[in-house]
Amino acid sequence: MELFGVVVMAFWAMLPAYIPNNAAVLAGGGRPIDGGRTLGDSRLLGDGKTWRGTLVGWLAGAVLAVGLNTLESGASDVLGVDLPTFPLAVALALPLGAMLGDIGASFLKRRSGRERGAPFPGVDQLDFVIGALSLALLADALASLSWFADTFTLPVLAAVLVMTPLLHVSTNALAYVLGLKDEPW
């Protein structure tokens, strides 16, 4: 598969994981997941990780995956790339894993003494990718599918690892400019 096909495949396969955190920002607010609890002298997660944001983010990613399934045939024809459809287990796992990866990074931020919104280079850009890919791989294995290996080949994984930080930085900067985020990272 040539570079164009690899990049298109990587973007398509990761869209259900890219959308949840953006949806969570838009729907955020509400009760924090940690309920205000602390570990030592800092919050477990902080006010930025809420039940509503997590649920809305997960559902937005899952609905997107189902929507992409309906568009797959036409998109594959137009783009000239054989795009995958998302099995239900993967359609649920990718966005949930993205949200869990982000929650895990928040926990690590608090443990490292970083405040909410403080940059955590590398972790901020790839936490949700690691969560999404890990949970999708697990769901794929539990459902005895071969979707993960067929979709996330080494070139596609490499493209995900290169393009995700670029997308993350640019979308966060845009959200900051639009007043949706308090910091541009």
N, C-alpha and C. Protein backbone atom coordinates (compact mmCIF):
# COMPACT_ATOMS: atom_id res chain seq x y z
N MET A 1 0.85 -1.17 0.00
CA MET A 1 0.00 0.00 0.00
C MET A 1 0.90 1.24 0.00
N GLU A 2 0.61 2.17 -0.89
CA GLU A 2 1.41 3.39 -0.98
C GLU A 2 1.09 4.34 0.18
N LEU A 3 1.87 5.37 0.31
CA LEU A 3 1.77 6.29 1.44
C LEU A 3 0.35 6.87 1.59
N PHE A 4 -0.26 7.29 0.50
CA PHE A 4 -1.61 7.84 0.57
C PHE A 4 -2.56 6.83 1.22
N GLY A 5 -2.51 5.60 0.75
CA GLY A 5 -3.38 4.55 1.29
C GLY A 5 -3.13 4.28 2.76
N VAL A 6 -1.86 4.30 3.16
CA VAL A 6 -1.52 4.07 4.56
C VAL A 6 -2.07 5.17 5.44
N VAL A 7 -1.90 6.42 5.01
CA VAL A 7 -2.39 7.56 5.80
C VAL A 7 -3.92 7.56 5.87
N VAL A 8 -4.57 7.29 4.76
CA VAL A 8 -6.04 7.23 4.75
C VAL A 8 -6.53 6.12 5.66
N MET A 9 -5.91 4.96 5.58
CA MET A 9 -6.30 3.82 6.43
C MET A 9 -6.10 4.17 7.91
N ALA A 10 -4.97 4.79 8.23
CA ALA A 10 -4.69 5.15 9.63
C ALA A 10 -5.72 6.15 10.14
N PHE A 11 -6.02 7.15 9.35
CA PHE A 11 -6.99 8.17 9.78
C PHE A 11 -8.38 7.55 9.94
N TRP A 12 -8.82 6.77 8.97
CA TRP A 12 -10.14 6.13 9.01
C TRP A 12 -10.26 5.22 10.24
N ALA A 13 -9.27 4.37 10.44
CA ALA A 13 -9.33 3.40 11.54
C ALA A 13 -9.29 4.07 12.91
N MET A 14 -8.64 5.23 13.00
CA MET A 14 -8.52 5.92 14.28
C MET A 14 -9.61 6.96 14.53
N LEU A 15 -10.42 7.29 13.54
CA LEU A 15 -11.45 8.32 13.74
C LEU A 15 -12.33 8.06 14.97
N PRO A 16 -12.79 6.82 15.18
CA PRO A 16 -13.61 6.59 16.39
C PRO A 16 -12.84 6.82 17.70
N ALA A 17 -11.52 6.84 17.64
CA ALA A 17 -10.70 7.14 18.83
C ALA A 17 -10.31 8.62 18.87
N TYR A 18 -10.29 9.28 17.72
CA TYR A 18 -9.94 10.70 17.69
C TYR A 18 -11.07 11.60 18.18
N ILE A 19 -12.29 11.21 17.96
CA ILE A 19 -13.45 12.05 18.25
C ILE A 19 -13.82 12.11 19.74
N PRO A 20 -13.68 11.05 20.53
CA PRO A 20 -14.21 11.07 21.90
C PRO A 20 -13.72 12.22 22.78
N ASN A 21 -12.44 12.51 22.78
CA ASN A 21 -11.95 13.58 23.66
C ASN A 21 -12.47 14.94 23.23
N ASN A 22 -12.65 15.14 21.93
CA ASN A 22 -13.23 16.40 21.44
C ASN A 22 -14.68 16.51 21.87
N ALA A 23 -15.42 15.41 21.74
CA ALA A 23 -16.83 15.41 22.17
C ALA A 23 -16.93 15.63 23.67
N ALA A 24 -16.00 15.05 24.42
CA ALA A 24 -16.02 15.21 25.88
C ALA A 24 -15.81 16.66 26.28
N VAL A 25 -14.94 17.37 25.55
CA VAL A 25 -14.72 18.78 25.84
C VAL A 25 -16.00 19.58 25.61
N LEU A 26 -16.69 19.27 24.53
CA LEU A 26 -17.92 19.99 24.20
C LEU A 26 -19.04 19.68 25.19
N ALA A 27 -19.09 18.43 25.68
CA ALA A 27 -20.17 18.01 26.59
C ALA A 27 -19.76 18.07 28.05
N GLY A 28 -18.52 18.44 28.30
CA GLY A 28 -17.95 18.37 29.65
C GLY A 28 -18.76 19.04 30.72
N GLY A 29 -18.20 19.04 31.87
CA GLY A 29 -18.91 19.55 33.03
C GLY A 29 -19.60 18.40 33.73
N GLY A 30 -20.19 18.72 34.83
CA GLY A 30 -20.87 17.68 35.58
C GLY A 30 -19.99 17.11 36.67
N ARG A 31 -20.39 15.97 37.15
CA ARG A 31 -19.73 15.35 38.30
C ARG A 31 -18.38 14.74 37.90
N PRO A 32 -17.32 15.10 38.62
CA PRO A 32 -16.01 14.51 38.34
C PRO A 32 -16.00 13.01 38.66
N ILE A 33 -15.29 12.25 37.86
CA ILE A 33 -15.20 10.81 38.06
C ILE A 33 -14.62 10.49 39.44
N ASP A 34 -13.63 11.27 39.87
CA ASP A 34 -12.98 10.98 41.15
C ASP A 34 -13.79 11.47 42.35
N GLY A 35 -14.91 12.16 42.10
CA GLY A 35 -15.74 12.64 43.20
C GLY A 35 -15.02 13.55 44.17
N GLY A 36 -13.92 14.16 43.73
CA GLY A 36 -13.15 15.06 44.59
C GLY A 36 -12.14 14.35 45.48
N ARG A 37 -12.02 13.04 45.32
CA ARG A 37 -11.09 12.27 46.16
C ARG A 37 -9.64 12.61 45.83
N THR A 38 -8.80 12.46 46.84
CA THR A 38 -7.37 12.74 46.67
C THR A 38 -6.57 11.49 46.97
N LEU A 39 -5.36 11.50 46.50
CA LEU A 39 -4.36 10.50 46.83
C LEU A 39 -3.14 11.29 47.25
N GLY A 40 -2.80 11.19 48.52
CA GLY A 40 -1.76 12.07 49.04
C GLY A 40 -2.29 13.48 49.09
N ASP A 41 -1.56 14.40 48.47
CA ASP A 41 -2.01 15.79 48.52
C ASP A 41 -2.57 16.30 47.20
N SER A 42 -2.90 15.38 46.27
CA SER A 42 -3.48 15.83 45.00
C SER A 42 -4.68 14.97 44.62
N ARG A 43 -5.51 15.54 43.78
CA ARG A 43 -6.70 14.85 43.29
C ARG A 43 -6.32 13.60 42.52
N LEU A 44 -7.21 12.62 42.52
CA LEU A 44 -6.98 11.42 41.73
C LEU A 44 -6.93 11.76 40.25
N LEU A 45 -7.93 12.49 39.77
CA LEU A 45 -8.00 12.85 38.35
C LEU A 45 -8.18 14.35 38.13
N GLY A 46 -9.03 14.98 38.91
CA GLY A 46 -9.31 16.40 38.75
C GLY A 46 -10.68 16.64 38.17
N ASP A 47 -11.07 17.90 38.13
CA ASP A 47 -12.41 18.28 37.67
C ASP A 47 -12.61 18.10 36.17
N GLY A 48 -11.53 17.97 35.41
CA GLY A 48 -11.64 17.86 33.96
C GLY A 48 -12.10 16.50 33.46
N LYS A 49 -12.13 15.52 34.31
CA LYS A 49 -12.56 14.17 33.91
C LYS A 49 -13.91 13.90 34.56
N THR A 50 -14.98 14.03 33.76
CA THR A 50 -16.33 13.90 34.29
C THR A 50 -17.03 12.67 33.71
N TRP A 51 -18.03 12.23 34.42
CA TRP A 51 -18.84 11.09 33.95
C TRP A 51 -19.53 11.45 32.64
N ARG A 52 -20.11 12.66 32.58
CA ARG A 52 -20.83 13.06 31.37
C ARG A 52 -19.89 13.13 30.17
N GLY A 53 -18.75 13.78 30.33
CA GLY A 53 -17.81 13.89 29.23
C GLY A 53 -17.33 12.53 28.75
N THR A 54 -17.07 11.63 29.69
CA THR A 54 -16.60 10.29 29.33
C THR A 54 -17.68 9.53 28.57
N LEU A 55 -18.90 9.57 29.06
CA LEU A 55 -20.00 8.86 28.40
C LEU A 55 -20.28 9.44 27.01
N VAL A 56 -20.37 10.77 26.93
CA VAL A 56 -20.65 11.40 25.64
C VAL A 56 -19.51 11.12 24.65
N GLY A 57 -18.26 11.20 25.12
CA GLY A 57 -17.14 10.91 24.24
C GLY A 57 -17.17 9.49 23.71
N TRP A 58 -17.43 8.54 24.60
CA TRP A 58 -17.50 7.12 24.21
C TRP A 58 -18.61 6.91 23.19
N LEU A 59 -19.79 7.43 23.48
CA LEU A 59 -20.92 7.26 22.56
C LEU A 59 -20.68 7.94 21.22
N ALA A 60 -20.08 9.12 21.24
CA ALA A 60 -19.80 9.83 19.98
C ALA A 60 -18.87 9.01 19.09
N GLY A 61 -17.84 8.42 19.69
CA GLY A 61 -16.92 7.60 18.92
C GLY A 61 -17.58 6.34 18.39
N ALA A 62 -18.42 5.71 19.20
CA ALA A 62 -19.10 4.49 18.77
C ALA A 62 -20.10 4.78 17.66
N VAL A 63 -20.86 5.86 17.80
CA VAL A 63 -21.81 6.25 16.75
C VAL A 63 -21.06 6.58 15.46
N LEU A 64 -19.93 7.25 15.58
CA LEU A 64 -19.13 7.55 14.40
C LEU A 64 -18.67 6.27 13.71
N ALA A 65 -18.22 5.28 14.48
CA ALA A 65 -17.77 4.01 13.88
C ALA A 65 -18.91 3.35 13.10
N VAL A 66 -20.10 3.35 13.69
CA VAL A 66 -21.26 2.77 12.99
C VAL A 66 -21.57 3.58 11.73
N GLY A 67 -21.48 4.90 11.83
CA GLY A 67 -21.69 5.74 10.66
C GLY A 67 -20.65 5.49 9.57
N LEU A 68 -19.41 5.31 9.97
CA LEU A 68 -18.36 5.01 8.99
C LEU A 68 -18.63 3.69 8.29
N ASN A 69 -19.22 2.73 9.01
CA ASN A 69 -19.57 1.46 8.37
C ASN A 69 -20.52 1.66 7.21
N THR A 70 -21.45 2.60 7.35
CA THR A 70 -22.41 2.84 6.26
C THR A 70 -21.76 3.58 5.09
N LEU A 71 -20.69 4.31 5.37
CA LEU A 71 -20.01 5.07 4.32
C LEU A 71 -18.86 4.32 3.67
N GLU A 72 -18.47 3.20 4.24
CA GLU A 72 -17.25 2.50 3.84
C GLU A 72 -17.18 2.19 2.36
N SER A 73 -18.22 1.64 1.79
CA SER A 73 -18.18 1.23 0.38
C SER A 73 -17.92 2.43 -0.54
N GLY A 74 -18.71 3.47 -0.37
CA GLY A 74 -18.53 4.66 -1.20
C GLY A 74 -17.19 5.33 -0.98
N ALA A 75 -16.77 5.43 0.29
CA ALA A 75 -15.48 6.05 0.60
C ALA A 75 -14.33 5.24 0.01
N SER A 76 -14.43 3.92 0.10
CA SER A 76 -13.38 3.07 -0.48
C SER A 76 -13.27 3.29 -1.97
N ASP A 77 -14.41 3.39 -2.65
CA ASP A 77 -14.41 3.61 -4.10
C ASP A 77 -13.82 4.97 -4.45
N VAL A 78 -14.25 6.01 -3.76
CA VAL A 78 -13.79 7.37 -4.06
C VAL A 78 -12.30 7.51 -3.78
N LEU A 79 -11.84 6.95 -2.65
CA LEU A 79 -10.44 7.12 -2.25
C LEU A 79 -9.50 6.09 -2.87
N GLY A 80 -10.06 5.02 -3.40
CA GLY A 80 -9.24 3.96 -3.98
C GLY A 80 -8.45 3.19 -2.93
N VAL A 81 -9.00 3.13 -1.73
CA VAL A 81 -8.37 2.41 -0.62
C VAL A 81 -9.41 1.47 -0.03
N ASP A 82 -9.03 0.23 0.21
CA ASP A 82 -9.96 -0.75 0.78
C ASP A 82 -10.07 -0.49 2.29
N LEU A 83 -11.05 0.32 2.67
CA LEU A 83 -11.22 0.71 4.07
C LEU A 83 -11.97 -0.37 4.85
N PRO A 84 -11.66 -0.51 6.12
CA PRO A 84 -12.35 -1.53 6.92
C PRO A 84 -13.68 -1.02 7.47
N THR A 85 -14.55 -1.96 7.77
CA THR A 85 -15.72 -1.66 8.59
C THR A 85 -15.35 -2.03 10.02
N PHE A 86 -16.10 -1.52 10.97
CA PHE A 86 -15.80 -1.72 12.38
C PHE A 86 -16.75 -2.76 12.98
N PRO A 87 -16.23 -3.92 13.39
CA PRO A 87 -17.08 -4.86 14.13
C PRO A 87 -17.59 -4.17 15.40
N LEU A 88 -18.75 -4.56 15.89
CA LEU A 88 -19.35 -3.89 17.05
C LEU A 88 -18.39 -3.85 18.24
N ALA A 89 -17.70 -4.95 18.51
CA ALA A 89 -16.78 -4.98 19.65
C ALA A 89 -15.70 -3.91 19.51
N VAL A 90 -15.20 -3.73 18.31
CA VAL A 90 -14.16 -2.73 18.06
C VAL A 90 -14.76 -1.32 18.05
N ALA A 91 -15.97 -1.19 17.50
CA ALA A 91 -16.64 0.11 17.48
C ALA A 91 -16.87 0.64 18.89
N LEU A 92 -17.06 -0.24 19.84
CA LEU A 92 -17.23 0.16 21.23
C LEU A 92 -15.87 0.33 21.94
N ALA A 93 -14.92 -0.53 21.59
CA ALA A 93 -13.63 -0.54 22.29
C ALA A 93 -12.73 0.64 21.93
N LEU A 94 -12.67 1.02 20.67
CA LEU A 94 -11.77 2.12 20.27
C LEU A 94 -12.09 3.42 21.03
N PRO A 95 -13.34 3.89 21.02
CA PRO A 95 -13.59 5.15 21.74
C PRO A 95 -13.52 5.00 23.26
N LEU A 96 -13.94 3.86 23.79
CA LEU A 96 -13.83 3.67 25.24
C LEU A 96 -12.36 3.63 25.65
N GLY A 97 -11.55 2.94 24.87
CA GLY A 97 -10.11 2.89 25.15
C GLY A 97 -9.47 4.26 25.08
N ALA A 98 -9.94 5.09 24.13
CA ALA A 98 -9.42 6.46 24.03
C ALA A 98 -9.73 7.24 25.30
N MET A 99 -10.94 7.11 25.78
CA MET A 99 -11.33 7.82 27.00
C MET A 99 -10.56 7.29 28.21
N LEU A 100 -10.41 5.98 28.31
CA LEU A 100 -9.67 5.40 29.43
C LEU A 100 -8.19 5.77 29.39
N GLY A 101 -7.62 5.85 28.19
CA GLY A 101 -6.23 6.28 28.06
C GLY A 101 -6.04 7.71 28.54
N ASP A 102 -7.00 8.56 28.21
CA ASP A 102 -6.94 9.96 28.65
C ASP A 102 -7.11 10.06 30.17
N ILE A 103 -7.99 9.25 30.72
CA ILE A 103 -8.19 9.23 32.18
C ILE A 103 -6.92 8.73 32.87
N GLY A 104 -6.31 7.71 32.31
CA GLY A 104 -5.05 7.19 32.88
C GLY A 104 -3.95 8.24 32.86
N ALA A 105 -3.88 9.02 31.78
CA ALA A 105 -2.88 10.08 31.69
C ALA A 105 -3.14 11.16 32.73
N SER A 106 -4.41 11.45 32.97
CA SER A 106 -4.75 12.44 34.00
C SER A 106 -4.27 11.96 35.37
N PHE A 107 -4.45 10.68 35.63
CA PHE A 107 -3.97 10.11 36.89
C PHE A 107 -2.45 10.27 36.99
N LEU A 108 -1.74 9.96 35.90
CA LEU A 108 -0.27 10.10 35.89
C LEU A 108 0.15 11.56 36.07
N LYS A 109 -0.58 12.47 35.44
CA LYS A 109 -0.28 13.90 35.60
C LYS A 109 -0.36 14.31 37.06
N ARG A 110 -1.43 13.91 37.73
CA ARG A 110 -1.58 14.27 39.14
C ARG A 110 -0.46 13.66 39.98
N ARG A 111 -0.07 12.44 39.69
CA ARG A 111 0.99 11.78 40.45
C ARG A 111 2.34 12.43 40.21
N SER A 112 2.52 13.05 39.04
CA SER A 112 3.81 13.71 38.74
C SER A 112 3.81 15.17 39.18
N GLY A 113 2.74 15.60 39.86
CA GLY A 113 2.68 16.96 40.38
C GLY A 113 2.19 18.00 39.39
N ARG A 114 1.75 17.59 38.22
CA ARG A 114 1.25 18.54 37.24
C ARG A 114 -0.20 18.91 37.56
N GLU A 115 -0.51 20.17 37.37
CA GLU A 115 -1.87 20.65 37.58
C GLU A 115 -2.71 20.39 36.34
N ARG A 116 -4.02 20.51 36.50
CA ARG A 116 -4.93 20.36 35.36
C ARG A 116 -4.54 21.36 34.28
N GLY A 117 -4.45 20.86 33.05
CA GLY A 117 -4.11 21.71 31.92
C GLY A 117 -2.63 21.87 31.68
N ALA A 118 -1.79 21.43 32.63
CA ALA A 118 -0.34 21.55 32.43
C ALA A 118 0.10 20.58 31.34
N PRO A 119 1.04 21.00 30.49
CA PRO A 119 1.48 20.10 29.43
C PRO A 119 2.24 18.89 29.97
N PHE A 120 2.09 17.78 29.28
CA PHE A 120 2.79 16.54 29.60
C PHE A 120 3.21 15.96 28.25
N PRO A 121 4.30 16.51 27.67
CA PRO A 121 4.69 16.16 26.30
C PRO A 121 4.80 14.64 26.09
N GLY A 122 4.31 14.21 24.95
CA GLY A 122 4.30 12.80 24.60
C GLY A 122 3.06 12.11 25.15
N VAL A 123 2.86 12.21 26.44
CA VAL A 123 1.70 11.57 27.07
C VAL A 123 0.41 12.23 26.58
N ASP A 124 0.39 13.56 26.55
CA ASP A 124 -0.81 14.27 26.10
C ASP A 124 -1.22 13.88 24.68
N GLN A 125 -0.26 13.61 23.84
CA GLN A 125 -0.54 13.33 22.44
C GLN A 125 -0.85 11.87 22.15
N LEU A 126 -0.39 10.95 22.99
CA LEU A 126 -0.53 9.54 22.65
C LEU A 126 -1.28 8.71 23.69
N ASP A 127 -1.68 9.30 24.81
CA ASP A 127 -2.37 8.53 25.85
C ASP A 127 -3.63 7.84 25.32
N PHE A 128 -4.44 8.58 24.60
CA PHE A 128 -5.68 8.01 24.09
C PHE A 128 -5.44 6.99 22.99
N VAL A 129 -4.35 7.14 22.24
CA VAL A 129 -4.02 6.18 21.20
C VAL A 129 -3.65 4.83 21.83
N ILE A 130 -2.83 4.88 22.86
CA ILE A 130 -2.43 3.65 23.55
C ILE A 130 -3.65 2.97 24.16
N GLY A 131 -4.52 3.75 24.80
CA GLY A 131 -5.74 3.19 25.37
C GLY A 131 -6.64 2.59 24.30
N ALA A 132 -6.85 3.33 23.21
CA ALA A 132 -7.74 2.87 22.14
C ALA A 132 -7.21 1.60 21.48
N LEU A 133 -5.94 1.60 21.13
CA LEU A 133 -5.37 0.43 20.47
C LEU A 133 -5.34 -0.78 21.40
N SER A 134 -5.04 -0.56 22.67
CA SER A 134 -4.99 -1.67 23.62
C SER A 134 -6.36 -2.31 23.81
N LEU A 135 -7.38 -1.48 24.00
CA LEU A 135 -8.72 -2.02 24.22
C LEU A 135 -9.28 -2.64 22.93
N ALA A 136 -8.98 -2.04 21.78
CA ALA A 136 -9.43 -2.62 20.51
C ALA A 136 -8.76 -3.97 20.27
N LEU A 137 -7.48 -4.08 20.58
CA LEU A 137 -6.78 -5.35 20.44
C LEU A 137 -7.40 -6.41 21.35
N LEU A 138 -7.70 -6.03 22.58
CA LEU A 138 -8.32 -6.97 23.52
C LEU A 138 -9.70 -7.39 23.03
N ALA A 139 -10.52 -6.44 22.61
CA ALA A 139 -11.86 -6.76 22.11
C ALA A 139 -11.78 -7.66 20.88
N ASP A 140 -10.84 -7.36 20.00
CA ASP A 140 -10.62 -8.16 18.80
C ASP A 140 -10.27 -9.60 19.17
N ALA A 141 -9.38 -9.75 20.14
CA ALA A 141 -8.96 -11.10 20.57
C ALA A 141 -10.10 -11.84 21.25
N LEU A 142 -10.84 -11.16 22.12
CA LEU A 142 -11.95 -11.80 22.83
C LEU A 142 -13.07 -12.23 21.88
N ALA A 143 -13.26 -11.47 20.82
CA ALA A 143 -14.30 -11.80 19.84
C ALA A 143 -13.78 -12.71 18.73
N SER A 144 -12.52 -13.15 18.84
CA SER A 144 -11.88 -14.02 17.84
C SER A 144 -11.96 -13.44 16.43
N LEU A 145 -11.64 -12.17 16.34
CA LEU A 145 -11.60 -11.49 15.05
C LEU A 145 -10.16 -11.39 14.57
N SER A 146 -9.98 -11.00 13.34
CA SER A 146 -8.63 -10.70 12.85
C SER A 146 -8.58 -9.24 12.38
N TRP A 147 -9.59 -8.47 12.78
CA TRP A 147 -9.71 -7.09 12.33
C TRP A 147 -8.48 -6.27 12.70
N PHE A 148 -8.03 -6.37 13.93
CA PHE A 148 -6.93 -5.53 14.38
C PHE A 148 -5.67 -5.76 13.55
N ALA A 149 -5.26 -7.00 13.39
CA ALA A 149 -4.05 -7.31 12.62
C ALA A 149 -4.21 -6.94 11.15
N ASP A 150 -5.40 -7.12 10.61
CA ASP A 150 -5.65 -6.77 9.21
C ASP A 150 -5.64 -5.26 8.99
N THR A 151 -6.09 -4.51 9.99
CA THR A 151 -6.21 -3.06 9.85
C THR A 151 -4.94 -2.33 10.27
N PHE A 152 -4.43 -2.65 11.44
CA PHE A 152 -3.28 -1.94 11.99
C PHE A 152 -1.98 -2.66 11.67
N THR A 153 -1.64 -2.65 10.39
CA THR A 153 -0.36 -3.19 9.96
C THR A 153 0.76 -2.27 10.49
N LEU A 154 1.98 -2.69 10.40
CA LEU A 154 3.08 -1.85 10.89
C LEU A 154 3.13 -0.48 10.22
N PRO A 155 2.97 -0.40 8.88
CA PRO A 155 2.96 0.95 8.28
C PRO A 155 1.81 1.81 8.78
N VAL A 156 0.64 1.22 9.00
CA VAL A 156 -0.51 1.99 9.50
C VAL A 156 -0.25 2.44 10.93
N LEU A 157 0.28 1.57 11.76
CA LEU A 157 0.63 1.96 13.13
C LEU A 157 1.65 3.10 13.13
N ALA A 158 2.64 3.01 12.26
CA ALA A 158 3.65 4.08 12.17
C ALA A 158 2.98 5.39 11.77
N ALA A 159 2.07 5.33 10.81
CA ALA A 159 1.37 6.55 10.39
C ALA A 159 0.55 7.13 11.55
N VAL A 160 -0.10 6.27 12.33
CA VAL A 160 -0.88 6.73 13.49
C VAL A 160 0.04 7.46 14.47
N LEU A 161 1.21 6.89 14.74
CA LEU A 161 2.13 7.48 15.71
C LEU A 161 2.74 8.80 15.23
N VAL A 162 2.81 8.98 13.92
CA VAL A 162 3.35 10.24 13.38
C VAL A 162 2.25 11.30 13.26
N MET A 163 1.10 10.91 12.72
CA MET A 163 0.08 11.92 12.45
C MET A 163 -0.72 12.32 13.69
N THR A 164 -0.84 11.43 14.67
CA THR A 164 -1.65 11.75 15.84
C THR A 164 -1.13 12.97 16.60
N PRO A 165 0.16 13.04 16.93
CA PRO A 165 0.62 14.25 17.62
C PRO A 165 0.37 15.53 16.82
N LEU A 166 0.52 15.47 15.50
CA LEU A 166 0.27 16.64 14.66
C LEU A 166 -1.21 17.04 14.72
N LEU A 167 -2.09 16.05 14.62
CA LEU A 167 -3.53 16.33 14.71
C LEU A 167 -3.90 16.84 16.10
N HIS A 168 -3.30 16.24 17.11
CA HIS A 168 -3.62 16.61 18.50
C HIS A 168 -3.25 18.07 18.77
N VAL A 169 -2.06 18.45 18.38
CA VAL A 169 -1.60 19.82 18.60
C VAL A 169 -2.46 20.81 17.82
N SER A 170 -2.77 20.51 16.57
CA SER A 170 -3.54 21.45 15.75
C SER A 170 -5.00 21.56 16.22
N THR A 171 -5.64 20.45 16.59
CA THR A 171 -7.02 20.54 17.06
C THR A 171 -7.11 21.23 18.42
N ASN A 172 -6.13 21.00 19.29
CA ASN A 172 -6.13 21.69 20.59
C ASN A 172 -5.90 23.19 20.42
N ALA A 173 -5.03 23.56 19.52
CA ALA A 173 -4.80 24.99 19.26
C ALA A 173 -6.08 25.63 18.71
N LEU A 174 -6.77 24.94 17.83
CA LEU A 174 -8.03 25.45 17.29
C LEU A 174 -9.08 25.58 18.40
N ALA A 175 -9.19 24.57 19.26
CA ALA A 175 -10.14 24.63 20.38
C ALA A 175 -9.81 25.79 21.31
N TYR A 176 -8.54 26.05 21.50
CA TYR A 176 -8.12 27.18 22.34
C TYR A 176 -8.54 28.51 21.71
N VAL A 177 -8.28 28.65 20.41
CA VAL A 177 -8.64 29.88 19.69
C VAL A 177 -10.16 30.10 19.72
N LEU A 178 -10.92 29.00 19.64
CA LEU A 178 -12.38 29.09 19.66
C LEU A 178 -12.94 29.26 21.08
N GLY A 179 -12.06 29.24 22.08
CA GLY A 179 -12.50 29.41 23.46
C GLY A 179 -13.07 28.16 24.10
N LEU A 180 -12.82 27.01 23.50
CA LEU A 180 -13.33 25.75 24.04
C LEU A 180 -12.37 25.12 25.05
N LYS A 181 -11.12 25.56 25.03
CA LYS A 181 -10.11 25.05 25.96
C LYS A 181 -9.39 26.23 26.60
N ASP A 182 -8.92 26.00 27.81
CA ASP A 182 -8.21 27.07 28.54
C ASP A 182 -6.72 27.14 28.18
N GLU A 183 -6.20 26.11 27.55
CA GLU A 183 -4.79 26.10 27.16
C GLU A 183 -4.67 25.48 25.76
N PRO A 184 -3.65 25.85 25.02
CA PRO A 184 -3.54 25.39 23.63
C PRO A 184 -2.88 24.03 23.45
N TRP A 185 -2.73 23.22 24.50
CA TRP A 185 -2.12 21.90 24.32
C TRP A 185 -3.04 20.80 24.74
